[in-house]
Protein backbone atom coordinates (compact mmCIF):
# COMPACT_ATOMS: atom_id res chain seq x y z
CA MET A 1 -9.53 -7.04 13.08
CA ARG A 2 -8.35 -10.55 13.88
CA ARG A 3 -10.51 -12.10 11.12
CA PHE A 4 -9.54 -9.37 8.67
CA PHE A 5 -5.79 -10.04 8.82
CA ILE A 6 -6.10 -13.82 8.80
CA GLY A 7 -8.50 -13.60 5.82
CA LEU A 8 -6.17 -11.22 4.00
CA LEU A 9 -3.23 -13.58 4.50
CA LEU A 10 -5.16 -16.59 3.17
CA CYS A 11 -6.45 -14.54 0.21
CA LEU A 12 -2.93 -13.52 -0.78
CA PHE A 13 -1.69 -17.11 -0.57
CA SER A 14 -4.49 -18.34 -2.89
CA LEU A 15 -3.92 -15.94 -5.81
CA GLN A 16 -3.37 -17.57 -9.26
CA ALA A 17 -2.03 -16.03 -12.47
CA PHE A 18 -2.68 -16.93 -16.09
CA GLY A 19 -1.32 -15.51 -19.34
CA LEU A 20 -3.05 -15.24 -22.72
CA GLN A 21 -2.43 -12.71 -25.50
CA LYS A 22 -5.43 -11.06 -27.11
CA ASN A 23 -6.25 -12.05 -30.72
CA VAL A 24 -3.14 -14.21 -31.22
CA ALA A 25 -3.14 -17.65 -32.84
CA SER A 26 -1.61 -20.96 -31.64
CA GLN A 27 -2.32 -20.52 -27.94
CA LYS A 28 -3.50 -23.12 -25.43
CA ILE A 29 -5.52 -23.33 -22.21
CA GLY A 30 -4.92 -26.14 -19.74
CA VAL A 31 -7.60 -27.58 -17.43
CA PHE A 32 -7.40 -30.04 -14.54
CA ALA A 33 -9.79 -32.98 -14.13
CA TYR A 34 -10.22 -34.90 -10.89
CA ASP A 35 -12.55 -37.39 -9.26
CA ASP A 36 -14.86 -35.55 -6.86
CA THR A 37 -15.33 -38.64 -4.68
CA THR A 38 -11.62 -39.46 -4.16
CA GLY A 39 -9.88 -36.19 -5.02
CA ASP A 40 -7.52 -38.08 -7.38
CA ALA A 41 -6.49 -36.67 -10.76
CA LYS A 42 -8.37 -38.27 -13.67
CA THR A 43 -6.29 -39.68 -16.55
CA GLY A 44 -7.37 -41.14 -19.88
CA ASP A 45 -10.54 -39.05 -20.05
CA ALA A 46 -9.77 -36.74 -23.02
CA ALA A 47 -12.50 -38.17 -25.29
CA GLN A 48 -15.15 -37.51 -22.61
CA ILE A 49 -14.15 -33.86 -22.02
CA THR A 50 -15.72 -30.98 -23.98
CA GLY A 51 -15.70 -27.25 -23.45
CA ARG A 52 -17.48 -23.97 -24.13
CA ILE A 53 -15.76 -20.62 -24.43
CA ALA A 54 -17.15 -17.14 -23.62
CA LEU A 55 -15.57 -13.92 -24.90
CA ASP A 56 -16.13 -10.79 -22.80
CA TRP A 57 -19.09 -12.52 -21.14
CA ALA A 58 -21.14 -12.60 -24.36
CA PRO A 59 -24.39 -14.62 -24.06
CA SER A 60 -24.70 -18.16 -25.46
CA PRO A 61 -21.02 -19.22 -25.31
CA ASN A 62 -19.87 -21.41 -28.20
CA ALA A 63 -18.35 -24.86 -28.06
CA THR A 64 -14.58 -24.82 -28.39
CA ASP A 65 -13.17 -25.42 -31.86
CA ASP A 66 -10.96 -28.10 -30.30
CA THR A 67 -13.77 -30.59 -29.60
CA ASN A 68 -11.77 -32.68 -27.13
CA PRO A 69 -8.57 -31.56 -25.41
CA THR A 70 -5.27 -33.41 -25.56
CA GLU A 71 -4.06 -35.19 -22.41
CA TYR A 72 -0.74 -33.51 -21.57
CA ASP A 73 1.23 -36.15 -19.66
CA ALA A 74 -0.64 -38.83 -17.72
CA THR A 75 2.52 -39.87 -15.86
CA HIS A 76 4.11 -36.61 -14.80
CA PHE A 77 1.06 -34.29 -15.04
CA PRO A 78 -1.93 -36.54 -14.34
CA GLY A 79 -5.30 -34.87 -14.83
CA ILE A 80 -3.99 -32.06 -17.10
CA TYR A 81 -5.74 -31.62 -20.48
CA VAL A 82 -4.94 -28.91 -23.05
CA PHE A 83 -7.34 -27.15 -25.45
CA ASP A 84 -5.85 -25.65 -28.67
CA LEU A 85 -7.40 -22.21 -29.33
CA LEU A 86 -8.20 -20.48 -32.61
CA GLN A 87 -7.04 -16.88 -32.92
CA ALA A 88 -10.71 -15.79 -32.87
CA GLU A 89 -11.17 -17.58 -29.54
CA THR A 90 -8.65 -15.22 -27.95
CA ASN A 91 -10.06 -11.97 -29.36
CA ALA A 92 -11.44 -10.57 -26.09
CA ASP A 93 -10.33 -8.77 -22.97
CA VAL A 94 -11.76 -11.62 -20.85
CA VAL A 95 -11.73 -15.26 -22.00
CA ALA A 96 -13.71 -17.80 -19.92
CA LEU A 97 -13.47 -21.55 -20.57
CA TYR A 98 -15.91 -24.01 -19.00
CA ALA A 99 -15.01 -27.67 -19.49
CA LYS A 100 -16.91 -30.75 -18.34
CA SER A 101 -16.63 -34.52 -18.58
CA SER A 102 -19.36 -37.04 -19.36
CA THR A 103 -17.64 -39.44 -16.96
CA SER A 104 -19.42 -39.68 -13.62
CA ASN A 105 -17.95 -37.75 -10.66
CA ILE A 106 -15.26 -36.04 -12.77
CA VAL A 107 -15.00 -32.32 -12.07
CA LEU A 108 -13.20 -29.51 -13.96
CA ARG A 109 -13.14 -25.94 -12.71
CA PRO A 110 -13.85 -22.96 -15.03
CA ILE A 111 -10.89 -20.92 -16.20
CA ILE A 112 -11.20 -17.07 -16.42
CA ILE A 113 -8.34 -15.18 -18.07
CA HIS A 114 -7.76 -11.42 -18.57
CA THR A 115 -5.74 -11.17 -21.78
CA THR A 116 -2.73 -8.94 -22.46
CA PRO A 117 -2.22 -6.91 -25.70
CA ALA A 118 -0.64 -8.79 -28.57
CA ASP A 119 2.08 -6.12 -28.93
CA PHE A 120 2.71 -5.83 -25.19
CA PRO A 121 6.52 -6.38 -25.52
CA ASP A 122 6.76 -3.58 -28.13
CA GLU A 123 4.80 -1.23 -25.83
CA ALA A 124 7.17 -2.09 -23.01
CA LEU A 125 10.18 -1.21 -25.18
CA ALA A 126 8.58 2.13 -26.13
CA THR A 127 7.99 2.88 -22.47
CA GLU A 128 11.61 2.02 -21.71
CA ALA A 129 12.79 4.50 -24.38
CA LYS A 130 10.63 7.24 -22.84
CA GLN A 131 12.09 6.42 -19.44
CA ASP A 132 15.59 6.86 -20.89
CA ILE A 133 14.62 10.36 -22.10
CA ILE A 134 13.22 11.26 -18.68
CA ASP A 135 16.38 9.94 -17.02
CA THR A 136 18.54 12.13 -19.27
CA ASN A 137 16.44 15.21 -18.48
CA VAL A 138 16.69 14.55 -14.76
CA ASP A 139 20.49 14.22 -15.05
CA ASP A 140 20.57 17.61 -16.82
CA ILE A 141 18.46 19.21 -14.07
CA GLU A 142 20.76 17.81 -11.38
CA THR A 143 23.82 19.11 -13.24
CA ASP A 144 22.32 22.60 -13.75
CA THR A 145 21.12 22.93 -10.14
CA GLY A 146 24.03 21.20 -8.44
CA THR A 147 21.61 18.98 -6.49
CA THR A 148 20.63 15.34 -6.28
CA LEU A 149 16.87 15.21 -6.65
CA PRO A 150 16.28 12.07 -4.56
CA ALA A 151 18.13 13.56 -1.59
CA THR A 152 16.39 16.94 -2.02
CA LEU A 153 12.95 15.36 -2.35
CA ALA A 154 13.63 13.13 0.67
CA THR A 155 14.56 16.21 2.72
CA ILE A 156 11.42 18.07 1.57
CA ASP A 157 9.25 15.02 2.34
CA THR A 158 10.74 14.73 5.84
CA ASN A 159 10.21 18.43 6.51
CA VAL A 160 6.58 18.26 5.35
CA ASP A 161 5.99 15.21 7.57
CA ASP A 162 7.48 17.10 10.54
CA ILE A 163 5.25 20.11 9.86
CA GLU A 164 2.12 17.95 9.65
CA THR A 165 3.12 16.10 12.85
CA ASP A 166 3.85 19.32 14.76
CA THR A 167 0.67 21.08 13.63
CA GLY A 168 -1.62 18.05 13.57
CA THR A 169 -2.84 19.09 10.11
CA THR A 170 -2.82 17.99 6.49
CA LEU A 171 -1.15 20.70 4.43
CA PRO A 172 -3.48 20.80 1.36
CA ALA A 173 -6.56 21.39 3.55
CA THR A 174 -4.65 23.83 5.78
CA LEU A 175 -3.30 25.83 2.82
CA SER A 176 -6.77 26.09 1.32
CA THR A 177 -8.12 27.39 4.65
CA ILE A 178 -5.20 29.81 5.03
CA ASP A 179 -5.74 31.16 1.53
CA GLY A 180 -9.36 31.99 2.36
CA LYS A 181 -8.37 33.63 5.64
CA ILE A 182 -5.67 35.71 3.93
CA ASP A 183 -8.27 37.04 1.51
CA THR A 184 -10.48 37.98 4.48
CA ILE A 185 -7.58 39.67 6.30
CA ASP A 186 -6.61 41.58 3.17
CA THR A 187 -10.18 42.91 2.87
CA ASN A 188 -10.23 43.88 6.58
CA VAL A 189 -6.87 45.67 6.32
CA ASP A 190 -8.14 47.69 3.36
CA ASP A 191 -11.21 48.65 5.42
CA ILE A 192 -9.05 49.65 8.42
CA GLU A 193 -6.79 51.83 6.29
CA THR A 194 -9.82 53.50 4.72
CA ASP A 195 -11.55 54.08 8.10
CA THR A 196 -8.42 55.34 9.94
CA GLY A 197 -6.76 57.17 7.08
CA THR A 198 -3.49 55.39 7.88
CA THR A 199 -1.12 53.04 6.12
CA LEU A 200 -0.39 49.96 8.22
CA PRO A 201 3.29 49.53 7.19
CA ALA A 202 4.10 52.97 8.61
CA THR A 203 2.03 52.29 11.74
CA LEU A 204 3.70 48.92 12.29
CA ALA A 205 7.12 50.52 11.91
CA THR A 206 6.19 52.98 14.68
CA ILE A 207 4.98 50.12 16.91
CA ASP A 208 8.22 48.20 16.28
CA THR A 209 10.26 51.25 17.35
CA ASN A 210 8.17 51.62 20.49
CA VAL A 211 8.64 47.93 21.39
CA ASP A 212 12.40 48.29 20.94
CA ASP A 213 12.34 51.29 23.29
CA ILE A 214 10.34 49.31 25.92
CA GLU A 215 12.83 46.41 25.80
CA THR A 216 15.72 48.84 26.14
CA ASP A 217 14.13 50.70 29.07
CA THR A 218 13.11 47.53 30.97
CA GLY A 219 16.11 45.36 30.09
CA THR A 220 13.79 42.52 29.03
CA THR A 221 12.82 40.57 25.93
CA LEU A 222 9.06 40.52 25.50
CA ASN A 223 8.99 37.06 23.85
CA ALA A 224 10.43 35.42 26.96
CA LEU A 225 8.00 37.27 29.25
CA ILE A 226 4.96 36.41 27.10
CA LEU A 227 5.87 32.70 27.09
CA ASP A 228 6.14 32.81 30.92
CA ILE A 229 2.84 34.59 31.73
CA PRO A 230 1.01 32.68 34.54
CA THR A 231 -2.64 31.72 34.37
CA VAL A 232 -5.31 33.66 36.29
CA ALA A 233 -5.30 31.01 39.04
CA GLU A 234 -1.50 31.21 39.29
CA PHE A 235 -1.65 34.99 39.50
CA GLU A 236 -4.11 34.64 42.38
CA ALA A 237 -2.13 31.90 44.14
CA ARG A 238 1.26 33.61 43.61
CA SER A 239 2.84 30.22 44.31
CA LEU A 240 3.81 28.47 41.04
CA ALA A 241 7.48 28.87 40.09
CA ALA A 242 8.40 29.43 36.46
CA ALA A 243 10.34 26.14 36.47
CA ASP A 244 7.06 24.25 37.05
CA TYR A 245 5.40 25.47 33.84
CA PHE A 246 4.86 23.00 31.01
CA LEU A 247 7.06 23.89 28.01
CA TYR A 248 5.67 22.78 24.65
CA GLY A 249 8.28 20.97 22.55
CA THR A 250 10.54 20.37 25.58
CA ASP A 251 8.59 18.56 28.30
CA PRO A 252 7.66 14.90 27.54
CA VAL A 253 4.04 13.92 26.96
CA GLU A 254 2.74 10.58 28.26
CA LEU A 255 -0.63 8.86 28.07
CA LEU A 256 -2.31 8.76 31.50
CA ASP A 257 -3.87 5.71 33.07
CA SER A 258 -7.42 5.81 34.48
CA GLY A 259 -6.09 7.18 37.78
CA GLY A 260 -4.47 10.19 36.14
CA SER A 261 -0.87 9.18 36.79
CA ALA A 262 1.83 8.67 34.18
CA GLY A 263 1.05 5.56 32.13
CA THR A 264 1.99 4.23 28.69
CA SER A 265 4.18 6.22 26.30
CA ALA A 266 3.36 6.44 22.59
CA ALA A 267 6.22 4.05 21.74
CA GLU A 268 5.01 1.55 24.35
CA LEU A 269 1.47 1.77 22.95
CA VAL A 270 2.76 0.84 19.46
CA ASP A 271 4.66 -2.11 20.96
CA ASP A 272 1.48 -3.26 22.73
CA ILE A 273 -0.48 -3.15 19.47
CA PHE A 274 2.11 -5.24 17.59
CA ALA A 275 2.16 -7.75 20.48
CA GLU A 276 -1.64 -8.30 20.30
CA VAL A 277 -2.33 -11.99 19.61
CA LEU A 278 -4.70 -12.39 16.66
CA GLU A 279 -4.94 -16.16 16.22
CA GLY A 280 -3.49 -18.94 18.40
CA THR A 281 0.03 -17.70 19.19
CA ILE A 282 0.30 -15.43 16.12
CA ASP A 283 0.36 -11.74 17.02
CA PHE A 284 -0.11 -8.63 14.87
CA GLY A 285 3.64 -8.21 14.40
CA ASP A 286 3.93 -11.82 13.14
CA ILE A 287 1.13 -11.19 10.63
CA MET A 288 2.83 -8.05 9.27
CA ARG A 289 6.20 -9.83 8.90
CA LEU A 290 4.53 -12.79 7.13
CA LEU A 291 2.64 -10.43 4.79
CA GLY A 292 5.86 -8.52 4.08
CA ALA A 293 7.68 -11.76 3.16
CA TYR A 294 4.84 -12.93 0.85
CA VAL A 295 4.30 -9.56 -0.87
CA ALA A 296 7.89 -8.24 -1.16
CA GLY A 297 10.25 -11.01 0.01
CA ASP A 298 12.34 -13.38 -2.12
CA LEU A 299 10.59 -16.57 -3.36
CA GLY A 300 12.61 -19.78 -3.67
CA ILE A 301 11.29 -22.88 -5.45
CA VAL A 302 13.05 -26.26 -5.43
CA GLY A 303 10.93 -29.02 -6.93
CA THR A 304 7.61 -28.84 -5.12
CA THR A 305 9.08 -26.99 -2.14
CA TYR A 306 8.74 -23.22 -1.93
CA THR A 307 10.08 -20.68 0.59
CA TYR A 308 9.43 -16.97 1.20
CA THR A 309 12.29 -15.01 2.78
CA GLY A 310 11.56 -12.08 5.11
CA LEU A 311 12.38 -8.44 4.32
CA ASP A 312 15.58 -8.86 6.37
CA ASP A 313 16.79 -11.12 3.47
CA VAL A 314 17.74 -13.79 6.04
CA THR A 315 14.74 -15.29 7.85
CA THR A 316 12.66 -17.98 6.12
CA ARG A 317 9.14 -16.79 6.95
CA ILE A 318 7.01 -19.29 5.00
CA GLU A 319 7.89 -22.81 3.80
CA GLY A 320 5.67 -25.43 2.22
CA THR A 321 5.01 -27.70 -0.74
CA SER A 322 2.75 -27.38 -3.76
CA THR A 323 1.12 -29.82 -6.14
CA ALA A 324 -1.13 -29.53 -9.16
CA SER A 325 -4.15 -29.65 -6.88
CA GLY A 326 -3.13 -27.39 -4.04
CA ARG A 327 -0.63 -26.14 -1.49
CA THR A 328 0.47 -27.25 1.99
CA VAL A 329 2.14 -24.73 4.32
CA GLY A 330 4.74 -26.54 6.40
CA THR A 331 6.18 -23.87 8.69
CA ILE A 332 5.74 -20.16 9.31
CA ASP A 333 8.04 -17.88 11.28
CA GLY A 334 6.71 -14.41 12.11
CA ASP A 335 9.17 -13.64 14.97
């Protein structure tokens, strides 16, 4: 588990994004060249760089139409070279560019891009219009029913969660099982009515009257007595008071230690899990807060410095610097 969370965190921090529209002219792909022996960006090498381009992983990739790329800015963006693409060179769902230099020890990494549709903005606008229609229909439903759907759905969701927690079940599977059992009961009831020549509603009504008479004659309520029936051992011992019985839904439940005495509560167990140290001094809770900041927190960028703010919108969880060749994490705060 320790390796899993650390690996996940590093994987998220290393993601890169590229943008290229499918089958659209006048687009470019940038590549980065560096010296493998020193790690320094390589400038002035445009004439020695060539590339091949593969569309949707077709065999025998062709040389790029742009024979040699253009050096972008040797002063401010050293090592960056840009290939101009033909429209035909973007007509694929996946575009892969492999560039190389004839200069010794100069390395360029392959670029793999998943393109977006050429009319993507228009599709987004159409989707937005459909969302407006849905929003209007929802407003009409809320007006007609006198309800607010988010609040109603939230209440339903909470109630369903409570039912699943109380019963220890998942409702779809339970309902499917219940449906089958109801069919079986219905068949059995039909058989009983046929065998006995009775109708159960009338019989149940008679039983209900008899139970009412028993409660009246004894001055008791049967539900309370049934809940308080002792076990066989308690009947034999005749010593356990009703106050000592365990009441489901009222008496607290605790996890027991190996000796059988009261031990860790469920809430304490959760706290123990989040306090588990995974790496160095970083515990599970720290990892979750760092992941939350990276995935859903605010990102601030000033020059080469970047910061990720925690989900509390206050704490700076991750701070570091980035360059064209990589990233350096300065500080992390998972507390």
